[in-house]
Amino acid sequence: MIARIWSGESSLWRLLLPLSWLYGLVSGAIRLSYKLGLKRAWRAPVPVVVVGNLTAGGNG
């Protein structure tokens, strides 16, 4: 299914394309608000460790 969507053979891209535009618009607006100083980054009062990409059961 993903291969068909990626190659353009599926009509699902017609549904996902406007959603991707909306996502890009919102994320761009948020980025711009930080650049213009309308939003400020929050600093934690203690050191923070971030762990990502954990999986259970294997990756393939």
N, C-alpha and C. Protein backbone atom coordinates (compact mmCIF):
# COMPACT_ATOMS: atom_id res chain seq x y z
N MET A 1 0.83 -1.19 0.00
CA MET A 1 0.00 0.00 0.00
C MET A 1 0.87 1.26 0.00
N ILE A 2 1.88 1.28 0.86
CA ILE A 2 2.74 2.46 0.93
C ILE A 2 3.48 2.65 -0.39
N ALA A 3 3.90 1.55 -1.01
CA ALA A 3 4.60 1.65 -2.29
C ALA A 3 3.68 2.23 -3.37
N ARG A 4 2.40 1.85 -3.36
CA ARG A 4 1.46 2.41 -4.34
C ARG A 4 1.23 3.89 -4.10
N ILE A 5 1.10 4.28 -2.84
CA ILE A 5 0.91 5.70 -2.51
C ILE A 5 2.15 6.49 -2.92
N TRP A 6 3.34 5.94 -2.60
CA TRP A 6 4.60 6.63 -2.90
C TRP A 6 4.79 6.83 -4.40
N SER A 7 4.40 5.83 -5.18
CA SER A 7 4.59 5.92 -6.63
C SER A 7 3.48 6.69 -7.33
N GLY A 8 2.44 7.07 -6.59
CA GLY A 8 1.36 7.86 -7.17
C GLY A 8 0.25 7.04 -7.80
N GLU A 9 0.24 5.72 -7.58
CA GLU A 9 -0.77 4.87 -8.17
C GLU A 9 -2.05 4.83 -7.35
N SER A 10 -2.03 5.33 -6.14
CA SER A 10 -3.20 5.30 -5.27
C SER A 10 -3.87 6.68 -5.26
N SER A 11 -5.19 6.68 -5.06
CA SER A 11 -5.90 7.96 -4.99
C SER A 11 -5.91 8.52 -3.57
N LEU A 12 -5.28 7.83 -2.63
CA LEU A 12 -5.22 8.31 -1.25
C LEU A 12 -4.46 9.63 -1.15
N TRP A 13 -3.55 9.88 -2.07
CA TRP A 13 -2.78 11.13 -2.03
C TRP A 13 -3.69 12.33 -2.20
N ARG A 14 -4.83 12.16 -2.86
CA ARG A 14 -5.78 13.28 -3.02
C ARG A 14 -6.35 13.71 -1.67
N LEU A 15 -6.49 12.78 -0.76
CA LEU A 15 -6.96 13.09 0.58
C LEU A 15 -5.82 13.66 1.43
N LEU A 16 -4.64 13.10 1.28
CA LEU A 16 -3.53 13.48 2.15
C LEU A 16 -2.86 14.79 1.75
N LEU A 17 -2.93 15.17 0.49
CA LEU A 17 -2.27 16.39 0.03
C LEU A 17 -2.79 17.65 0.73
N PRO A 18 -4.11 17.87 0.81
CA PRO A 18 -4.57 19.06 1.54
C PRO A 18 -4.21 19.02 3.02
N LEU A 19 -4.18 17.83 3.60
CA LEU A 19 -3.78 17.72 5.00
C LEU A 19 -2.31 18.07 5.18
N SER A 20 -1.48 17.71 4.21
CA SER A 20 -0.06 18.06 4.31
C SER A 20 0.13 19.57 4.14
N TRP A 21 -0.68 20.19 3.29
CA TRP A 21 -0.61 21.65 3.15
C TRP A 21 -1.00 22.33 4.46
N LEU A 22 -2.05 21.83 5.10
CA LEU A 22 -2.50 22.40 6.37
C LEU A 22 -1.42 22.24 7.43
N TYR A 23 -0.82 21.06 7.49
CA TYR A 23 0.26 20.81 8.45
C TYR A 23 1.43 21.76 8.21
N GLY A 24 1.80 21.94 6.95
CA GLY A 24 2.89 22.86 6.62
C GLY A 24 2.57 24.29 6.99
N LEU A 25 1.34 24.70 6.77
CA LEU A 25 0.92 26.06 7.10
C LEU A 25 0.97 26.30 8.60
N VAL A 26 0.45 25.36 9.37
CA VAL A 26 0.43 25.52 10.83
C VAL A 26 1.85 25.48 11.40
N SER A 27 2.67 24.53 10.95
CA SER A 27 4.03 24.45 11.48
C SER A 27 4.86 25.67 11.07
N GLY A 28 4.63 26.19 9.87
CA GLY A 28 5.32 27.41 9.45
C GLY A 28 4.91 28.61 10.28
N ALA A 29 3.62 28.70 10.62
CA ALA A 29 3.13 29.80 11.45
C ALA A 29 3.72 29.73 12.85
N ILE A 30 3.84 28.53 13.38
CA ILE A 30 4.43 28.38 14.71
C ILE A 30 5.91 28.77 14.68
N ARG A 31 6.64 28.31 13.66
CA ARG A 31 8.06 28.67 13.52
C ARG A 31 8.22 30.18 13.40
N LEU A 32 7.37 30.81 12.60
CA LEU A 32 7.44 32.26 12.42
C LEU A 32 7.15 33.00 13.72
N SER A 33 6.21 32.49 14.51
CA SER A 33 5.89 33.16 15.77
C SER A 33 7.08 33.13 16.73
N TYR A 34 7.88 32.06 16.69
CA TYR A 34 9.10 32.03 17.50
C TYR A 34 10.13 33.02 16.97
N LYS A 35 10.28 33.09 15.64
CA LYS A 35 11.26 34.02 15.05
C LYS A 35 10.91 35.47 15.34
N LEU A 36 9.62 35.80 15.33
CA LEU A 36 9.19 37.17 15.56
C LEU A 36 9.11 37.53 17.04
N GLY A 37 9.34 36.55 17.90
CA GLY A 37 9.31 36.80 19.34
C GLY A 37 7.92 36.78 19.94
N LEU A 38 6.94 36.31 19.19
CA LEU A 38 5.59 36.22 19.72
C LEU A 38 5.45 35.05 20.70
N LYS A 39 6.26 34.03 20.49
CA LYS A 39 6.30 32.89 21.41
C LYS A 39 7.73 32.75 21.89
N ARG A 40 7.89 32.25 23.10
CA ARG A 40 9.22 32.06 23.66
C ARG A 40 9.40 30.60 24.04
N ALA A 41 10.63 30.12 23.89
CA ALA A 41 10.95 28.76 24.30
C ALA A 41 10.95 28.68 25.82
N TRP A 42 10.48 27.56 26.33
CA TRP A 42 10.44 27.33 27.77
C TRP A 42 11.69 26.59 28.19
N ARG A 43 12.36 27.07 29.23
CA ARG A 43 13.55 26.40 29.74
C ARG A 43 13.21 25.68 31.04
N ALA A 44 13.52 24.41 31.07
CA ALA A 44 13.27 23.62 32.28
C ALA A 44 14.25 24.02 33.37
N PRO A 45 13.80 24.05 34.62
CA PRO A 45 14.69 24.44 35.71
C PRO A 45 15.72 23.36 36.07
N VAL A 46 15.56 22.16 35.53
CA VAL A 46 16.48 21.05 35.80
C VAL A 46 16.93 20.46 34.46
N PRO A 47 18.06 19.74 34.44
CA PRO A 47 18.47 19.09 33.19
C PRO A 47 17.44 18.04 32.74
N VAL A 48 17.25 17.93 31.45
CA VAL A 48 16.27 17.01 30.89
C VAL A 48 16.97 16.06 29.93
N VAL A 49 16.66 14.77 30.03
CA VAL A 49 17.18 13.76 29.12
C VAL A 49 16.02 13.29 28.26
N VAL A 50 16.20 13.34 26.94
CA VAL A 50 15.15 12.91 26.01
C VAL A 50 15.58 11.62 25.35
N VAL A 51 14.71 10.63 25.38
CA VAL A 51 14.98 9.33 24.75
C VAL A 51 13.91 9.12 23.69
N GLY A 52 14.34 8.81 22.47
CA GLY A 52 13.37 8.61 21.40
C GLY A 52 13.60 7.32 20.65
N ASN A 53 12.64 6.99 19.80
CA ASN A 53 12.70 5.82 18.92
C ASN A 53 12.83 4.51 19.68
N LEU A 54 12.11 4.37 20.78
CA LEU A 54 12.09 3.11 21.49
C LEU A 54 11.05 2.20 20.84
N THR A 55 11.38 0.93 20.73
CA THR A 55 10.43 -0.03 20.17
C THR A 55 10.34 -1.25 21.07
N ALA A 56 9.23 -1.92 20.99
CA ALA A 56 9.06 -3.18 21.71
C ALA A 56 8.80 -4.27 20.68
N GLY A 57 9.61 -5.30 20.70
CA GLY A 57 9.36 -6.43 19.82
C GLY A 57 10.15 -6.44 18.53
N GLY A 58 10.98 -5.47 18.29
CA GLY A 58 11.81 -5.49 17.10
C GLY A 58 11.38 -4.51 16.04
N ASN A 59 12.25 -4.32 15.07
CA ASN A 59 12.01 -3.34 14.01
C ASN A 59 11.98 -3.96 12.62
N GLY A 60 11.61 -5.14 12.50
CA GLY A 60 11.49 -5.62 11.14
C GLY A 60 12.10 -6.93 10.89
